[in-house]
């Protein structure tokens, strides 16, 4: 069971990393993509969280500090006695 979960988590990390690479889009001035994974455990209870974010720059200047973002997060926890 843990081998399948580990393989699944590794596959998700690789997929998110590949898809999070910066891509050129002729309709948007500036976009930024981020992806992340969090693993935590206390010995009895473990948690896995995957997240992905997409930001769009607002404004005409390249160094604009304002960005609008949209993202998703998948969190799962499991444990045993």
C-alpha atoms as a PDB file:
ATOM      1  CA  UNK A   1       0.000   0.000   0.000  1.00  0.00           C
ATOM      2  CA  UNK A   2       2.762   2.450   0.946  1.00  0.00           C
ATOM      3  CA  UNK A   3       4.737   1.607  -2.209  1.00  0.00           C
ATOM      4  CA  UNK A   4       1.720   2.490  -4.339  1.00  0.00           C
ATOM      5  CA  UNK A   5       1.166   5.713  -2.393  1.00  0.00           C
ATOM      6  CA  UNK A   6       4.848   6.654  -2.687  1.00  0.00           C
ATOM      7  CA  UNK A   7       4.839   5.953  -6.416  1.00  0.00           C
ATOM      8  CA  UNK A   8       1.644   7.991  -6.838  1.00  0.00           C
ATOM      9  CA  UNK A   9       3.095  10.938  -4.875  1.00  0.00           C
ATOM     10  CA  UNK A  10       6.320  10.839  -6.887  1.00  0.00           C
ATOM     11  CA  UNK A  11       4.360  10.773 -10.140  1.00  0.00           C
ATOM     12  CA  UNK A  12       2.264  13.767  -9.018  1.00  0.00           C
ATOM     13  CA  UNK A  13       5.376  15.767  -8.065  1.00  0.00           C
ATOM     14  CA  UNK A  14       7.001  15.093 -11.432  1.00  0.00           C
ATOM     15  CA  UNK A  15       3.784  15.969 -13.275  1.00  0.00           C
ATOM     16  CA  UNK A  16       3.345  19.223 -11.338  1.00  0.00           C
ATOM     17  CA  UNK A  17       6.999  20.169 -11.840  1.00  0.00           C
ATOM     18  CA  UNK A  18       6.838  19.626 -15.585  1.00  0.00           C
ATOM     19  CA  UNK A  19       3.554  21.501 -15.998  1.00  0.00           C
ATOM     20  CA  UNK A  20       4.695  24.349 -13.752  1.00  0.00           C
ATOM     21  CA  UNK A  21       7.455  25.413 -16.136  1.00  0.00           C
ATOM     22  CA  UNK A  22       7.038  28.926 -17.480  1.00  0.00           C
ATOM     23  CA  UNK A  23       5.203  28.937 -20.795  1.00  0.00           C
ATOM     24  CA  UNK A  24       4.815  31.792 -23.246  1.00  0.00           C
ATOM     25  CA  UNK A  25       1.277  32.924 -23.898  1.00  0.00           C
ATOM     26  CA  UNK A  26       0.744  35.625 -26.538  1.00  0.00           C
ATOM     27  CA  UNK A  27      -2.460  36.841 -24.853  1.00  0.00           C
ATOM     28  CA  UNK A  28      -0.949  37.481 -21.418  1.00  0.00           C
ATOM     29  CA  UNK A  29       1.904  39.857 -20.641  1.00  0.00           C
ATOM     30  CA  UNK A  30       3.316  37.928 -17.709  1.00  0.00           C
ATOM     31  CA  UNK A  31       2.325  34.636 -16.095  1.00  0.00           C
ATOM     32  CA  UNK A  32       3.880  32.673 -13.271  1.00  0.00           C
ATOM     33  CA  UNK A  33       3.167  29.079 -12.311  1.00  0.00           C
ATOM     34  CA  UNK A  34       4.018  27.374  -9.036  1.00  0.00           C
ATOM     35  CA  UNK A  35       3.568  23.843  -7.741  1.00  0.00           C
ATOM     36  CA  UNK A  36       4.332  22.285  -4.394  1.00  0.00           C
ATOM     37  CA  UNK A  37       4.051  19.210  -2.236  1.00  0.00           C
ATOM     38  CA  UNK A  38       4.009  18.912   1.548  1.00  0.00           C
ATOM     39  CA  UNK A  39       4.586  15.681   3.464  1.00  0.00           C
ATOM     40  CA  UNK A  40       4.223  15.581   7.247  1.00  0.00           C
ATOM     41  CA  UNK A  41       4.003  12.890   9.903  1.00  0.00           C
ATOM     42  CA  UNK A  42       4.072  12.481  13.659  1.00  0.00           C
ATOM     43  CA  UNK A  43       4.547   8.711  13.611  1.00  0.00           C
ATOM     44  CA  UNK A  44       0.873   7.742  13.832  1.00  0.00           C
ATOM     45  CA  UNK A  45      -0.769  10.193  11.468  1.00  0.00           C
ATOM     46  CA  UNK A  46       0.581  11.315   8.085  1.00  0.00           C
ATOM     47  CA  UNK A  47      -0.563  14.010   5.673  1.00  0.00           C
ATOM     48  CA  UNK A  48       0.145  14.686   2.006  1.00  0.00           C
ATOM     49  CA  UNK A  49      -0.748  17.925   0.241  1.00  0.00           C
ATOM     50  CA  UNK A  50      -0.335  18.847  -3.441  1.00  0.00           C
ATOM     51  CA  UNK A  51      -0.881  22.385  -4.702  1.00  0.00           C
ATOM     52  CA  UNK A  52      -0.671  24.295  -7.974  1.00  0.00           C
ATOM     53  CA  UNK A  53      -0.987  28.056  -8.578  1.00  0.00           C
ATOM     54  CA  UNK A  54      -1.157  30.295 -11.650  1.00  0.00           C
ATOM     55  CA  UNK A  55      -0.539  34.051 -11.387  1.00  0.00           C
ATOM     56  CA  UNK A  56      -1.282  36.754 -13.975  1.00  0.00           C
ATOM     57  CA  UNK A  57       0.424  40.142 -13.836  1.00  0.00           C
ATOM     58  CA  UNK A  58      -1.822  43.187 -13.684  1.00  0.00           C
ATOM     59  CA  UNK A  59      -0.580  46.455 -15.159  1.00  0.00           C
ATOM     60  CA  UNK A  60       1.553  47.582 -18.061  1.00  0.00           C
ATOM     61  CA  UNK A  61       4.916  47.759 -16.299  1.00  0.00           C
ATOM     62  CA  UNK A  62       7.097  44.642 -16.308  1.00  0.00           C
ATOM     63  CA  UNK A  63       8.027  45.173 -12.662  1.00  0.00           C
ATOM     64  CA  UNK A  64       4.415  45.480 -11.490  1.00  0.00           C
ATOM     65  CA  UNK A  65       3.940  44.173  -7.965  1.00  0.00           C
ATOM     66  CA  UNK A  66       0.285  43.265  -8.521  1.00  0.00           C
ATOM     67  CA  UNK A  67      -0.671  39.763  -9.562  1.00  0.00           C
ATOM     68  CA  UNK A  68      -3.970  37.891  -9.624  1.00  0.00           C
ATOM     69  CA  UNK A  69      -3.833  34.177  -8.917  1.00  0.00           C
ATOM     70  CA  UNK A  70      -5.881  31.024  -9.111  1.00  0.00           C
ATOM     71  CA  UNK A  71      -4.938  27.708  -7.592  1.00  0.00           C
ATOM     72  CA  UNK A  72      -5.969  24.365  -6.269  1.00  0.00           C
ATOM     73  CA  UNK A  73      -4.921  22.167  -3.376  1.00  0.00           C
ATOM     74  CA  UNK A  74      -5.458  18.484  -2.659  1.00  0.00           C
ATOM     75  CA  UNK A  75      -4.908  17.352   0.930  1.00  0.00           C
ATOM     76  CA  UNK A  76      -5.093  13.813   2.278  1.00  0.00           C
ATOM     77  CA  UNK A  77      -4.364  12.410   5.718  1.00  0.00           C
ATOM     78  CA  UNK A  78      -4.065   8.810   6.826  1.00  0.00           C
ATOM     79  CA  UNK A  79      -2.866   6.854   9.819  1.00  0.00           C
ATOM     80  CA  UNK A  80      -3.112   3.662  11.778  1.00  0.00           C
ATOM     81  CA  UNK A  81      -2.727   2.172  15.206  1.00  0.00           C
END
